[in-house]
PDB file of N, CA and C in Angstrom:
ATOM      1  N   MET A   1     -36.997 -57.475  96.565  1.00  0.00           N
ATOM      2  CA  MET A   1     -37.370 -56.780  97.759  1.00  0.00           C
ATOM      3  C   MET A   1     -38.812 -57.154  98.088  1.00  0.00           C
ATOM      4  N   LYS A   2     -39.097 -57.301  99.375  1.00  0.00           N
ATOM      5  CA  LYS A   2     -40.432 -57.680  99.803  1.00  0.00           C
ATOM      6  C   LYS A   2     -40.924 -56.707 100.866  1.00  0.00           C
ATOM      7  N   ARG A   3     -42.128 -56.205 100.670  1.00  0.00           N
ATOM      8  CA  ARG A   3     -42.760 -55.303 101.645  1.00  0.00           C
ATOM      9  C   ARG A   3     -44.225 -55.685 101.789  1.00  0.00           C
ATOM     10  N   GLY A   4     -44.657 -55.844 103.008  1.00  0.00           N
ATOM     11  CA  GLY A   4     -46.063 -56.147 103.242  1.00  0.00           C
ATOM     12  C   GLY A   4     -46.558 -57.374 102.505  1.00  0.00           C
ATOM     13  N   GLY A   5     -45.694 -58.378 102.352  1.00  0.00           N
ATOM     14  CA  GLY A   5     -46.069 -59.607 101.669  1.00  0.00           C
ATOM     15  C   GLY A   5     -46.053 -59.524 100.153  1.00  0.00           C
ATOM     16  N   ILE A   6     -45.725 -58.349  99.613  1.00  0.00           N
ATOM     17  CA  ILE A   6     -45.660 -58.176  98.157  1.00  0.00           C
ATOM     18  C   ILE A   6     -44.204 -58.048  97.743  1.00  0.00           C
ATOM     19  N   ARG A   7     -43.832 -58.770  96.692  1.00  0.00           N
ATOM     20  CA  ARG A   7     -42.458 -58.685  96.177  1.00  0.00           C
ATOM     21  C   ARG A   7     -42.372 -57.579  95.138  1.00  0.00           C
ATOM     22  N   TYR A   8     -41.267 -56.818  95.214  1.00  0.00           N
ATOM     23  CA  TYR A   8     -41.072 -55.683  94.320  1.00  0.00           C
ATOM     24  C   TYR A   8     -39.739 -55.767  93.595  1.00  0.00           C
ATOM     25  N   ILE A   9     -39.692 -55.129  92.461  1.00  0.00           N
ATOM     26  CA  ILE A   9     -38.456 -54.871  91.736  1.00  0.00           C
ATOM     27  C   ILE A   9     -38.005 -53.489  92.211  1.00  0.00           C
ATOM     28  N   ALA A  10     -36.766 -53.369  92.622  1.00  0.00           N
ATOM     29  CA  ALA A  10     -36.228 -52.067  93.016  1.00  0.00           C
ATOM     30  C   ALA A  10     -35.332 -51.572  91.888  1.00  0.00           C
ATOM     31  N   SER A  11     -35.651 -50.407  91.351  1.00  0.00           N
ATOM     32  CA  SER A  11     -34.831 -49.848  90.280  1.00  0.00           C
ATOM     33  C   SER A  11     -33.512 -49.347  90.851  1.00  0.00           C
ATOM     34  N   ARG A  12     -32.692 -48.810  89.989  1.00  0.00           N
ATOM     35  CA  ARG A  12     -31.390 -48.270  90.383  1.00  0.00           C
ATOM     36  C   ARG A  12     -31.513 -47.272  91.538  1.00  0.00           C
ATOM     37  N   TYR A  13     -32.615 -46.519  91.576  1.00  0.00           N
ATOM     38  CA  TYR A  13     -32.829 -45.492  92.595  1.00  0.00           C
ATOM     39  C   TYR A  13     -33.873 -45.905  93.614  1.00  0.00           C
ATOM     40  N   GLN A  14     -34.116 -47.211  93.694  1.00  0.00           N
ATOM     41  CA  GLN A  14     -35.026 -47.798  94.663  1.00  0.00           C
ATOM     42  C   GLN A  14     -36.498 -47.432  94.440  1.00  0.00           C
ATOM     43  N   GLU A  15     -36.853 -46.988  93.225  1.00  0.00           N
ATOM     44  CA  GLU A  15     -38.271 -46.896  92.908  1.00  0.00           C
ATOM     45  C   GLU A  15     -38.785 -48.338  92.880  1.00  0.00           C
ATOM     46  N   LEU A  16     -39.953 -48.567  93.416  1.00  0.00           N
ATOM     47  CA  LEU A  16     -40.481 -49.926  93.533  1.00  0.00           C
ATOM     48  C   LEU A  16     -41.576 -50.196  92.513  1.00  0.00           C
ATOM     49  N   TYR A  17     -41.475 -51.369  91.886  1.00  0.00           N
ATOM     50  CA  TYR A  17     -42.450 -51.834  90.901  1.00  0.00           C
ATOM     51  C   TYR A  17     -42.839 -53.259  91.291  1.00  0.00           C
ATOM     52  N   PRO A  18     -44.130 -53.591  91.287  1.00  0.00           N
ATOM     53  CA  PRO A  18     -44.527 -54.953  91.673  1.00  0.00           C
ATOM     54  C   PRO A  18     -43.862 -55.995  90.778  1.00  0.00           C
ATOM     55  N   LEU A  19     -43.310 -57.036  91.400  1.00  0.00           N
ATOM     56  CA  LEU A  19     -42.681 -58.104  90.627  1.00  0.00           C
ATOM     57  C   LEU A  19     -43.712 -58.747  89.695  1.00  0.00           C
ATOM     58  N   GLU A  20     -44.907 -58.983  90.208  1.00  0.00           N
ATOM     59  CA  GLU A  20     -45.975 -59.499  89.365  1.00  0.00           C
ATOM     60  C   GLU A  20     -46.604 -58.311  88.644  1.00  0.00           C
ATOM     61  N   LYS A  21     -46.389 -58.258  87.341  1.00  0.00           N
ATOM     62  CA  LYS A  21     -46.848 -57.110  86.556  1.00  0.00           C
ATOM     63  C   LYS A  21     -48.369 -57.018  86.580  1.00  0.00           C
ATOM     64  N   PRO A  22     -48.892 -55.862  87.009  1.00  0.00           N
ATOM     65  CA  PRO A  22     -50.351 -55.692  87.018  1.00  0.00           C
ATOM     66  C   PRO A  22     -50.931 -55.759  85.603  1.00  0.00           C
ATOM     67  N   SER A  23     -52.133 -56.266  85.512  1.00  0.00           N
ATOM     68  CA  SER A  23     -52.826 -56.364  84.231  1.00  0.00           C
ATOM     69  C   SER A  23     -52.944 -54.985  83.591  1.00  0.00           C
ATOM     70  N   GLY A  24     -52.650 -54.924  82.302  1.00  0.00           N
ATOM     71  CA  GLY A  24     -52.759 -53.676  81.556  1.00  0.00           C
ATOM     72  C   GLY A  24     -51.553 -52.768  81.643  1.00  0.00           C
ATOM     73  N   THR A  25     -50.577 -53.128  82.467  1.00  0.00           N
ATOM     74  CA  THR A  25     -49.373 -52.310  82.626  1.00  0.00           C
ATOM     75  C   THR A  25     -48.447 -52.508  81.437  1.00  0.00           C
ATOM     76  N   PHE A  26     -47.883 -51.409  80.950  1.00  0.00           N
ATOM     77  CA  PHE A  26     -46.862 -51.459  79.906  1.00  0.00           C
ATOM     78  C   PHE A  26     -45.535 -51.233  80.598  1.00  0.00           C
ATOM     79  N   ARG A  27     -44.685 -52.265  80.601  1.00  0.00           N
ATOM     80  CA  ARG A  27     -43.423 -52.250  81.354  1.00  0.00           C
ATOM     81  C   ARG A  27     -42.238 -52.121  80.411  1.00  0.00           C
ATOM     82  N   ILE A  28     -41.420 -51.101  80.661  1.00  0.00           N
ATOM     83  CA  ILE A  28     -40.191 -50.853  79.910  1.00  0.00           C
ATOM     84  C   ILE A  28     -39.026 -51.005  80.883  1.00  0.00           C
ATOM     85  N   VAL A  29     -37.962 -51.661  80.445  1.00  0.00           N
ATOM     86  CA  VAL A  29     -36.760 -51.789  81.265  1.00  0.00           C
ATOM     87  C   VAL A  29     -35.600 -51.145  80.508  1.00  0.00           C
ATOM     88  N   ALA A  30     -34.924 -50.209  81.164  1.00  0.00           N
ATOM     89  CA  ALA A  30     -33.814 -49.473  80.557  1.00  0.00           C
ATOM     90  C   ALA A  30     -32.479 -50.003  81.070  1.00  0.00           C
ATOM     91  N   PHE A  31     -31.698 -50.548  80.148  1.00  0.00           N
ATOM     92  CA  PHE A  31     -30.367 -51.081  80.446  1.00  0.00           C
ATOM     93  C   PHE A  31     -29.307 -50.076  80.009  1.00  0.00           C
ATOM     94  N   GLY A  32     -28.148 -50.149  80.610  1.00  0.00           N
ATOM     95  CA  GLY A  32     -27.034 -49.332  80.175  1.00  0.00           C
ATOM     96  C   GLY A  32     -25.984 -49.221  81.263  1.00  0.00           C
ATOM     97  N   GLY A  33     -24.991 -48.416  80.968  1.00  0.00           N
ATOM     98  CA  GLY A  33     -23.919 -48.159  81.928  1.00  0.00           C
ATOM     99  C   GLY A  33     -24.218 -46.904  82.724  1.00  0.00           C
ATOM    100  N   SER A  34     -23.182 -46.103  82.938  1.00  0.00           N
ATOM    101  CA  SER A  34     -23.339 -44.911  83.772  1.00  0.00           C
ATOM    102  C   SER A  34     -24.277 -43.881  83.155  1.00  0.00           C
ATOM    103  N   THR A  35     -24.396 -43.864  81.823  1.00  0.00           N
ATOM    104  CA  THR A  35     -25.298 -42.892  81.205  1.00  0.00           C
ATOM    105  C   THR A  35     -26.765 -43.217  81.516  1.00  0.00           C
ATOM    106  N   THR A  36     -27.077 -44.478  81.708  1.00  0.00           N
ATOM    107  CA  THR A  36     -28.433 -44.862  82.108  1.00  0.00           C
ATOM    108  C   THR A  36     -28.581 -44.776  83.620  1.00  0.00           C
ATOM    109  N   ALA A  37     -27.593 -45.288  84.338  1.00  0.00           N
ATOM    110  CA  ALA A  37     -27.635 -45.199  85.800  1.00  0.00           C
ATOM    111  C   ALA A  37     -27.655 -43.749  86.244  1.00  0.00           C
ATOM    112  N   ASN A  38     -26.957 -42.914  85.494  1.00  0.00           N
ATOM    113  CA  ASN A  38     -26.878 -41.479  85.725  1.00  0.00           C
ATOM    114  C   ASN A  38     -26.373 -41.161  87.124  1.00  0.00           C
ATOM    115  N   VAL A  39     -25.095 -41.352  87.309  1.00  0.00           N
ATOM    116  CA  VAL A  39     -24.449 -41.095  88.598  1.00  0.00           C
ATOM    117  C   VAL A  39     -24.646 -39.649  89.030  1.00  0.00           C
ATOM    118  N   GLN A  40     -24.684 -38.720  88.084  1.00  0.00           N
ATOM    119  CA  GLN A  40     -24.923 -37.309  88.423  1.00  0.00           C
ATOM    120  C   GLN A  40     -26.281 -37.133  89.077  1.00  0.00           C
ATOM    121  N   ALA A  41     -27.288 -37.845  88.596  1.00  0.00           N
ATOM    122  CA  ALA A  41     -28.617 -37.755  89.199  1.00  0.00           C
ATOM    123  C   ALA A  41     -28.575 -38.230  90.643  1.00  0.00           C
ATOM    124  N   MET A  42     -27.776 -39.264  90.882  1.00  0.00           N
ATOM    125  CA  MET A  42     -27.654 -39.796  92.228  1.00  0.00           C
ATOM    126  C   MET A  42     -27.101 -38.726  93.172  1.00  0.00           C
ATOM    127  N   ARG A  43     -26.106 -37.991  92.706  1.00  0.00           N
ATOM    128  CA  ARG A  43     -25.466 -36.967  93.533  1.00  0.00           C
ATOM    129  C   ARG A  43     -26.326 -35.721  93.682  1.00  0.00           C
ATOM    130  N   SER A  44     -27.016 -35.330  92.625  1.00  0.00           N
ATOM    131  CA  SER A  44     -27.735 -34.057  92.631  1.00  0.00           C
ATOM    132  C   SER A  44     -29.231 -34.205  92.899  1.00  0.00           C
ATOM    133  N   GLN A  45     -29.706 -35.446  93.023  1.00  0.00           N
ATOM    134  CA  GLN A  45     -31.125 -35.708  93.269  1.00  0.00           C
ATOM    135  C   GLN A  45     -32.014 -35.269  92.094  1.00  0.00           C
ATOM    136  N   THR A  46     -31.438 -35.173  90.884  1.00  0.00           N
ATOM    137  CA  THR A  46     -32.240 -34.866  89.703  1.00  0.00           C
ATOM    138  C   THR A  46     -32.719 -36.184  89.093  1.00  0.00           C
ATOM    139  N   PRO A  47     -33.837 -36.175  88.391  1.00  0.00           N
ATOM    140  CA  PRO A  47     -34.367 -37.419  87.824  1.00  0.00           C
ATOM    141  C   PRO A  47     -33.449 -38.016  86.748  1.00  0.00           C
ATOM    142  N   HIS A  48     -33.333 -39.322  86.732  1.00  0.00           N
ATOM    143  CA  HIS A  48     -32.596 -40.039  85.694  1.00  0.00           C
ATOM    144  C   HIS A  48     -33.506 -40.190  84.481  1.00  0.00           C
ATOM    145  N   TYR A  49     -32.919 -40.449  83.294  1.00  0.00           N
ATOM    146  CA  TYR A  49     -33.730 -40.433  82.076  1.00  0.00           C
ATOM    147  C   TYR A  49     -34.864 -41.465  82.076  1.00  0.00           C
ATOM    148  N   PRO A  50     -34.684 -42.689  82.629  1.00  0.00           N
ATOM    149  CA  PRO A  50     -35.835 -43.596  82.626  1.00  0.00           C
ATOM    150  C   PRO A  50     -37.023 -43.046  83.436  1.00  0.00           C
ATOM    151  N   LEU A  51     -36.748 -42.373  84.538  1.00  0.00           N
ATOM    152  CA  LEU A  51     -37.841 -41.787  85.315  1.00  0.00           C
ATOM    153  C   LEU A  51     -38.475 -40.621  84.559  1.00  0.00           C
ATOM    154  N   LEU A  52     -37.663 -39.823  83.888  1.00  0.00           N
ATOM    155  CA  LEU A  52     -38.200 -38.741  83.055  1.00  0.00           C
ATOM    156  C   LEU A  52     -39.058 -39.302  81.923  1.00  0.00           C
ATOM    157  N   LEU A  53     -38.592 -40.400  81.314  1.00  0.00           N
ATOM    158  CA  LEU A  53     -39.355 -41.046  80.244  1.00  0.00           C
ATOM    159  C   LEU A  53     -40.693 -41.551  80.776  1.00  0.00           C
ATOM    160  N   GLN A  54     -40.667 -42.185  81.930  1.00  0.00           N
ATOM    161  CA  GLN A  54     -41.903 -42.683  82.534  1.00  0.00           C
ATOM    162  C   GLN A  54     -42.883 -41.530  82.779  1.00  0.00           C
ATOM    163  N   THR A  55     -42.388 -40.449  83.346  1.00  0.00           N
ATOM    164  CA  THR A  55     -43.223 -39.281  83.628  1.00  0.00           C
ATOM    165  C   THR A  55     -43.826 -38.709  82.341  1.00  0.00           C
ATOM    166  N   GLN A  56     -42.991 -38.573  81.314  1.00  0.00           N
ATOM    167  CA  GLN A  56     -43.465 -38.003  80.044  1.00  0.00           C
ATOM    168  C   GLN A  56     -44.479 -38.908  79.353  1.00  0.00           C
ATOM    169  N   LEU A  57     -44.221 -40.210  79.338  1.00  0.00           N
ATOM    170  CA  LEU A  57     -45.166 -41.139  78.715  1.00  0.00           C
ATOM    171  C   LEU A  57     -46.501 -41.138  79.449  1.00  0.00           C
ATOM    172  N   ARG A  58     -46.453 -41.144  80.775  1.00  0.00           N
ATOM    173  CA  ARG A  58     -47.693 -41.118  81.552  1.00  0.00           C
ATOM    174  C   ARG A  58     -48.488 -39.845  81.275  1.00  0.00           C
ATOM    175  N   ARG A  59     -47.784 -38.721  81.204  1.00  0.00           N
ATOM    176  CA  ARG A  59     -48.454 -37.442  80.955  1.00  0.00           C
ATOM    177  C   ARG A  59     -49.020 -37.396  79.532  1.00  0.00           C
ATOM    178  N   THR A  60     -48.209 -37.754  78.562  1.00  0.00           N
ATOM    179  CA  THR A  60     -48.625 -37.666  77.158  1.00  0.00           C
ATOM    180  C   THR A  60     -49.764 -38.622  76.830  1.00  0.00           C
ATOM    181  N   LEU A  61     -49.687 -39.838  77.357  1.00  0.00           N
ATOM    182  CA  LEU A  61     -50.694 -40.858  77.036  1.00  0.00           C
ATOM    183  C   LEU A  61     -51.840 -40.893  78.041  1.00  0.00           C
ATOM    184  N   ALA A  62     -51.751 -40.050  79.070  1.00  0.00           N
ATOM    185  CA  ALA A  62     -52.786 -39.993  80.115  1.00  0.00           C
ATOM    186  C   ALA A  62     -53.042 -41.376  80.716  1.00  0.00           C
ATOM    187  N   ARG A  63     -51.947 -42.054  81.051  1.00  0.00           N
ATOM    188  CA  ARG A  63     -52.013 -43.395  81.659  1.00  0.00           C
ATOM    189  C   ARG A  63     -51.008 -43.462  82.791  1.00  0.00           C
ATOM    190  N   ASN A  64     -51.415 -44.027  83.915  1.00  0.00           N
ATOM    191  CA  ASN A  64     -50.496 -44.210  85.033  1.00  0.00           C
ATOM    192  C   ASN A  64     -49.961 -45.630  85.106  1.00  0.00           C
ATOM    193  N   ASP A  65     -50.317 -46.460  84.136  1.00  0.00           N
ATOM    194  CA  ASP A  65     -49.886 -47.858  84.160  1.00  0.00           C
ATOM    195  C   ASP A  65     -48.701 -48.117  83.221  1.00  0.00           C
ATOM    196  N   ILE A  66     -47.828 -47.127  83.112  1.00  0.00           N
ATOM    197  CA  ILE A  66     -46.589 -47.268  82.340  1.00  0.00           C
ATOM    198  C   ILE A  66     -45.433 -47.226  83.323  1.00  0.00           C
ATOM    199  N   GLU A  67     -44.571 -48.231  83.247  1.00  0.00           N
ATOM    200  CA  GLU A  67     -43.411 -48.317  84.130  1.00  0.00           C
ATOM    201  C   GLU A  67     -42.140 -48.287  83.292  1.00  0.00           C
ATOM    202  N   VAL A  68     -41.174 -47.500  83.725  1.00  0.00           N
ATOM    203  CA  VAL A  68     -39.859 -47.515  83.092  1.00  0.00           C
ATOM    204  C   VAL A  68     -38.860 -47.784  84.214  1.00  0.00           C
ATOM    205  N   ILE A  69     -38.318 -48.987  84.217  1.00  0.00           N
ATOM    206  CA  ILE A  69     -37.458 -49.454  85.299  1.00  0.00           C
ATOM    207  C   ILE A  69     -35.997 -49.289  84.893  1.00  0.00           C
ATOM    208  N   ASN A  70     -35.252 -48.557  85.690  1.00  0.00           N
ATOM    209  CA  ASN A  70     -33.834 -48.283  85.426  1.00  0.00           C
ATOM    210  C   ASN A  70     -32.976 -49.380  86.054  1.00  0.00           C
ATOM    211  N   VAL A  71     -32.314 -50.176  85.212  1.00  0.00           N
ATOM    212  CA  VAL A  71     -31.384 -51.183  85.713  1.00  0.00           C
ATOM    213  C   VAL A  71     -29.963 -50.883  85.234  1.00  0.00           C
ATOM    214  N   GLY A  72     -29.694 -49.621  84.943  1.00  0.00           N
ATOM    215  CA  GLY A  72     -28.355 -49.221  84.524  1.00  0.00           C
ATOM    216  C   GLY A  72     -27.364 -49.329  85.666  1.00  0.00           C
ATOM    217  N   ASN A  73     -26.145 -49.690  85.348  1.00  0.00           N
ATOM    218  CA  ASN A  73     -25.072 -49.793  86.334  1.00  0.00           C
ATOM    219  C   ASN A  73     -23.793 -49.221  85.738  1.00  0.00           C
ATOM    220  N   PRO A  74     -23.096 -48.353  86.479  1.00  0.00           N
ATOM    221  CA  PRO A  74     -21.831 -47.836  85.965  1.00  0.00           C
ATOM    222  C   PRO A  74     -20.892 -48.984  85.591  1.00  0.00           C
ATOM    223  N   SER A  75     -20.218 -48.835  84.499  1.00  0.00           N
ATOM    224  CA  SER A  75     -19.243 -49.802  83.962  1.00  0.00           C
ATOM    225  C   SER A  75     -19.876 -50.993  83.261  1.00  0.00           C
ATOM    226  N   TYR A  76     -21.191 -51.145  83.308  1.00  0.00           N
ATOM    227  CA  TYR A  76     -21.821 -52.254  82.606  1.00  0.00           C
ATOM    228  C   TYR A  76     -21.658 -52.088  81.099  1.00  0.00           C
ATOM    229  N   ALA A  77     -21.490 -53.215  80.433  1.00  0.00           N
ATOM    230  CA  ALA A  77     -21.429 -53.271  78.979  1.00  0.00           C
ATOM    231  C   ALA A  77     -22.482 -54.290  78.528  1.00  0.00           C
ATOM    232  N   THR A  78     -22.598 -54.495  77.241  1.00  0.00           N
ATOM    233  CA  THR A  78     -23.634 -55.371  76.703  1.00  0.00           C
ATOM    234  C   THR A  78     -23.640 -56.762  77.344  1.00  0.00           C
ATOM    235  N   PRO A  79     -22.492 -57.440  77.542  1.00  0.00           N
ATOM    236  CA  PRO A  79     -22.548 -58.771  78.165  1.00  0.00           C
ATOM    237  C   PRO A  79     -23.187 -58.765  79.554  1.00  0.00           C
ATOM    238  N   HIS A  80     -22.924 -57.713  80.339  1.00  0.00           N
ATOM    239  CA  HIS A  80     -23.527 -57.626  81.669  1.00  0.00           C
ATOM    240  C   HIS A  80     -25.049 -57.525  81.559  1.00  0.00           C
ATOM    241  N   SER A  81     -25.504 -56.685  80.634  1.00  0.00           N
ATOM    242  CA  SER A  81     -26.946 -56.504  80.465  1.00  0.00           C
ATOM    243  C   SER A  81     -27.618 -57.762  79.946  1.00  0.00           C
ATOM    244  N   LEU A  82     -26.949 -58.500  79.081  1.00  0.00           N
ATOM    245  CA  LEU A  82     -27.525 -59.750  78.578  1.00  0.00           C
ATOM    246  C   LEU A  82     -27.708 -60.765  79.703  1.00  0.00           C
ATOM    247  N   ILE A  83     -26.759 -60.802  80.623  1.00  0.00           N
ATOM    248  CA  ILE A  83     -26.877 -61.705  81.777  1.00  0.00           C
ATOM    249  C   ILE A  83     -28.043 -61.266  82.668  1.00  0.00           C
ATOM    250  N   LEU A  84     -28.127 -59.972  82.938  1.00  0.00           N
ATOM    251  CA  LEU A  84     -29.232 -59.439  83.738  1.00  0.00           C
ATOM    252  C   LEU A  84     -30.573 -59.704  83.062  1.00  0.00           C
ATOM    253  N   LEU A  85     -30.625 -59.538  81.747  1.00  0.00           N
ATOM    254  CA  LEU A  85     -31.847 -59.808  80.987  1.00  0.00           C
ATOM    255  C   LEU A  85     -32.255 -61.271  81.139  1.00  0.00           C
ATOM    256  N   ALA A  86     -31.312 -62.163  80.941  1.00  0.00           N
ATOM    257  CA  ALA A  86     -31.610 -63.596  80.968  1.00  0.00           C
ATOM    258  C   ALA A  86     -32.006 -64.094  82.355  1.00  0.00           C
ATOM    259  N   PHE A  87     -31.297 -63.643  83.385  1.00  0.00           N
ATOM    260  CA  PHE A  87     -31.526 -64.191  84.716  1.00  0.00           C
ATOM    261  C   PHE A  87     -32.589 -63.466  85.530  1.00  0.00           C
ATOM    262  N   ASP A  88     -32.902 -62.221  85.202  1.00  0.00           N
ATOM    263  CA  ASP A  88     -33.879 -61.478  86.000  1.00  0.00           C
ATOM    264  C   ASP A  88     -34.984 -60.848  85.160  1.00  0.00           C
ATOM    265  N   VAL A  89     -34.611 -59.980  84.250  1.00  0.00           N
ATOM    266  CA  VAL A  89     -35.568 -59.085  83.604  1.00  0.00           C
ATOM    267  C   VAL A  89     -36.631 -59.821  82.796  1.00  0.00           C
ATOM    268  N   LEU A  90     -36.300 -60.892  82.119  1.00  0.00           N
ATOM    269  CA  LEU A  90     -37.324 -61.611  81.344  1.00  0.00           C
ATOM    270  C   LEU A  90     -38.467 -62.090  82.239  1.00  0.00           C
ATOM    271  N   SER A  91     -38.168 -62.442  83.478  1.00  0.00           N
ATOM    272  CA  SER A  91     -39.215 -62.890  84.397  1.00  0.00           C
ATOM    273  C   SER A  91     -40.126 -61.739  84.822  1.00  0.00           C
ATOM    274  N   TRP A  92     -39.717 -60.501  84.582  1.00  0.00           N
ATOM    275  CA  TRP A  92     -40.541 -59.327  84.913  1.00  0.00           C
ATOM    276  C   TRP A  92     -41.566 -59.028  83.821  1.00  0.00           C
ATOM    277  N   GLN A  93     -41.526 -59.768  82.738  1.00  0.00           N
ATOM    278  CA  GLN A  93     -42.442 -59.632  81.600  1.00  0.00           C
ATOM    279  C   GLN A  93     -42.411 -58.224  80.983  1.00  0.00           C
ATOM    280  N   PRO A  94     -41.222 -57.759  80.571  1.00  0.00           N
ATOM    281  CA  PRO A  94     -41.174 -56.428  79.951  1.00  0.00           C
ATOM    282  C   PRO A  94     -41.855 -56.441  78.586  1.00  0.00           C
ATOM    283  N   ASP A  95     -42.462 -55.312  78.250  1.00  0.00           N
ATOM    284  CA  ASP A  95     -43.049 -55.138  76.925  1.00  0.00           C
ATOM    285  C   ASP A  95     -42.042 -54.531  75.969  1.00  0.00           C
ATOM    286  N   LEU A  96     -41.056 -53.846  76.534  1.00  0.00           N
ATOM    287  CA  LEU A  96     -40.038 -53.176  75.735  1.00  0.00           C
ATOM    288  C   LEU A  96     -38.777 -53.068  76.577  1.00  0.00           C
ATOM    289  N   VAL A  97     -37.624 -53.279  75.945  1.00  0.00           N
ATOM    290  CA  VAL A  97     -36.359 -53.024  76.620  1.00  0.00           C
ATOM    291  C   VAL A  97     -35.580 -51.986  75.816  1.00  0.00           C
ATOM    292  N   ILE A  98     -34.886 -51.137  76.544  1.00  0.00           N
ATOM    293  CA  ILE A  98     -34.010 -50.139  75.931  1.00  0.00           C
ATOM    294  C   ILE A  98     -32.597 -50.518  76.336  1.00  0.00           C
ATOM    295  N   LEU A  99     -31.750 -50.730  75.370  1.00  0.00           N
ATOM    296  CA  LEU A  99     -30.363 -51.098  75.626  1.00  0.00           C
ATOM    297  C   LEU A  99     -29.481 -49.991  75.077  1.00  0.00           C
ATOM    298  N   SER A 100     -28.754 -49.323  75.955  1.00  0.00           N
ATOM    299  CA  SER A 100     -27.934 -48.195  75.541  1.00  0.00           C
ATOM    300  C   SER A 100     -26.537 -48.314  76.125  1.00  0.00           C
ATOM    301  N   HIS A 101     -25.650 -48.917  75.360  1.00  0.00           N
ATOM    302  CA  HIS A 101     -24.249 -49.028  75.778  1.00  0.00           C
ATOM    303  C   HIS A 101     -23.400 -48.288  74.760  1.00  0.00           C
ATOM    304  N   ASN A 102     -22.576 -47.441  75.264  1.00  0.00           N
ATOM    305  CA  ASN A 102     -21.749 -46.631  74.380  1.00  0.00           C
ATOM    306  C   ASN A 102     -20.280 -46.809  74.720  1.00  0.00           C
ATOM    307  N   ILE A 103     -19.809 -46.025  75.612  1.00  0.00           N
ATOM    308  CA  ILE A 103     -18.382 -45.988  75.959  1.00  0.00           C
ATOM    309  C   ILE A 103     -17.903 -47.318  76.516  1.00  0.00           C
ATOM    310  N   ASN A 104     -18.690 -47.972  77.363  1.00  0.00           N
ATOM    311  CA  ASN A 104     -18.228 -49.213  77.987  1.00  0.00           C
ATOM    312  C   ASN A 104     -18.013 -50.319  76.956  1.00  0.00           C
ATOM    313  N   ASP A 105     -18.848 -50.380  75.935  1.00  0.00           N
ATOM    314  CA  ASP A 105     -18.622 -51.346  74.858  1.00  0.00           C
ATOM    315  C   ASP A 105     -17.411 -50.944  74.024  1.00  0.00           C
ATOM    316  N   LEU A 106     -17.301 -49.672  73.749  1.00  0.00           N
ATOM    317  CA  LEU A 106     -16.197 -49.180  72.931  1.00  0.00           C
ATOM    318  C   LEU A 106     -14.844 -49.422  73.594  1.00  0.00           C
ATOM    319  N   THR A 107     -14.759 -49.217  74.897  1.00  0.00           N
ATOM    320  CA  THR A 107     -13.460 -49.359  75.572  1.00  0.00           C
ATOM    321  C   THR A 107     -12.937 -50.789  75.562  1.00  0.00           C
ATOM    322  N   ALA A 108     -13.817 -51.776  75.413  1.00  0.00           N
ATOM    323  CA  ALA A 108     -13.355 -53.171  75.331  1.00  0.00           C
ATOM    324  C   ALA A 108     -12.425 -53.368  74.143  1.00  0.00           C
ATOM    325  N   LEU A 109     -12.624 -52.564  73.110  1.00  0.00           N
ATOM    326  CA  LEU A 109     -11.779 -52.657  71.916  1.00  0.00           C
ATOM    327  C   LEU A 109     -10.355 -52.163  72.178  1.00  0.00           C
ATOM    328  N   TYR A 110     -10.186 -51.327  73.183  1.00  0.00           N
ATOM    329  CA  TYR A 110      -8.877 -50.742  73.459  1.00  0.00           C
ATOM    330  C   TYR A 110      -7.955 -51.669  74.237  1.00  0.00           C
ATOM    331  N   TRP A 111      -8.502 -52.707  74.841  1.00  0.00           N
ATOM    332  CA  TRP A 111      -7.693 -53.655  75.585  1.00  0.00           C
ATOM    333  C   TRP A 111      -7.051 -54.626  74.586  1.00  0.00           C
ATOM    334  N   PRO A 112      -5.882 -55.127  74.881  1.00  0.00           N
ATOM    335  CA  PRO A 112      -5.218 -56.043  73.935  1.00  0.00           C
ATOM    336  C   PRO A 112      -5.993 -57.351  73.743  1.00  0.00           C
ATOM    337  N   ASP A 113      -5.830 -57.935  72.585  1.00  0.00           N
ATOM    338  CA  ASP A 113      -6.410 -59.248  72.259  1.00  0.00           C
ATOM    339  C   ASP A 113      -7.922 -59.283  72.446  1.00  0.00           C
ATOM    340  N   PHE A 114      -8.614 -58.354  71.803  1.00  0.00           N
ATOM    341  CA  PHE A 114     -10.071 -58.249  71.932  1.00  0.00           C
ATOM    342  C   PHE A 114     -10.749 -59.592  71.713  1.00  0.00           C
ATOM    343  N   THR A 115     -11.730 -59.893  72.583  1.00  0.00           N
ATOM    344  CA  THR A 115     -12.588 -61.071  72.429  1.00  0.00           C
ATOM    345  C   THR A 115     -14.038 -60.601  72.475  1.00  0.00           C
ATOM    346  N   PHE A 116     -14.909 -61.297  71.768  1.00  0.00           N
ATOM    347  CA  PHE A 116     -16.299 -60.861  71.666  1.00  0.00           C
ATOM    348  C   PHE A 116     -17.068 -60.969  72.977  1.00  0.00           C
ATOM    349  N   ASP A 117     -16.583 -61.766  73.937  1.00  0.00           N
ATOM    350  CA  ASP A 117     -17.255 -61.832  75.225  1.00  0.00           C
ATOM    351  C   ASP A 117     -16.665 -60.840  76.227  1.00  0.00           C
ATOM    352  N   TYR A 118     -15.745 -59.995  75.747  1.00  0.00           N
ATOM    353  CA  TYR A 118     -15.101 -58.930  76.536  1.00  0.00           C
ATOM    354  C   TYR A 118     -14.210 -59.486  77.660  1.00  0.00           C
ATOM    355  N   SER A 119     -13.911 -60.755  77.630  1.00  0.00           N
ATOM    356  CA  SER A 119     -13.080 -61.334  78.687  1.00  0.00           C
ATOM    357  C   SER A 119     -11.654 -60.773  78.660  1.00  0.00           C
ATOM    358  N   ASN A 120     -11.276 -60.137  77.554  1.00  0.00           N
ATOM    359  CA  ASN A 120      -9.963 -59.507  77.510  1.00  0.00           C
ATOM    360  C   ASN A 120      -9.903 -58.271  78.395  1.00  0.00           C
ATOM    361  N   LYS A 121     -11.053 -57.715  78.741  1.00  0.00           N
ATOM    362  CA  LYS A 121     -11.125 -56.505  79.560  1.00  0.00           C
ATOM    363  C   LYS A 121     -11.090 -56.889  81.018  1.00  0.00           C
TER     364      LYS A 121
END
């Protein structure tokens, strides 16, 4: 996304973070499925956990240069996040990534002829 000549990363909820990471910024990227995307937050306008984490870290550490970017997507599993990491997120220069896949990874096992790349699903 580009605004006023500056390119931004838009999180799941369209919070904007400069694509070029500002000096001194600690950038965290949160991956996951619906539990990270938090579809309920979308419907109820309540904060998703990455935004809550960002708020708490900023308050506790008394720093406003901490970013927690939510790239969770419903139905995403580990292979989806690895592709997103490789093609986009690494260029954002994250200092930390949080990868939280639960049910979506587990359900791949329930489909017949399980394959490690989840292509059976």
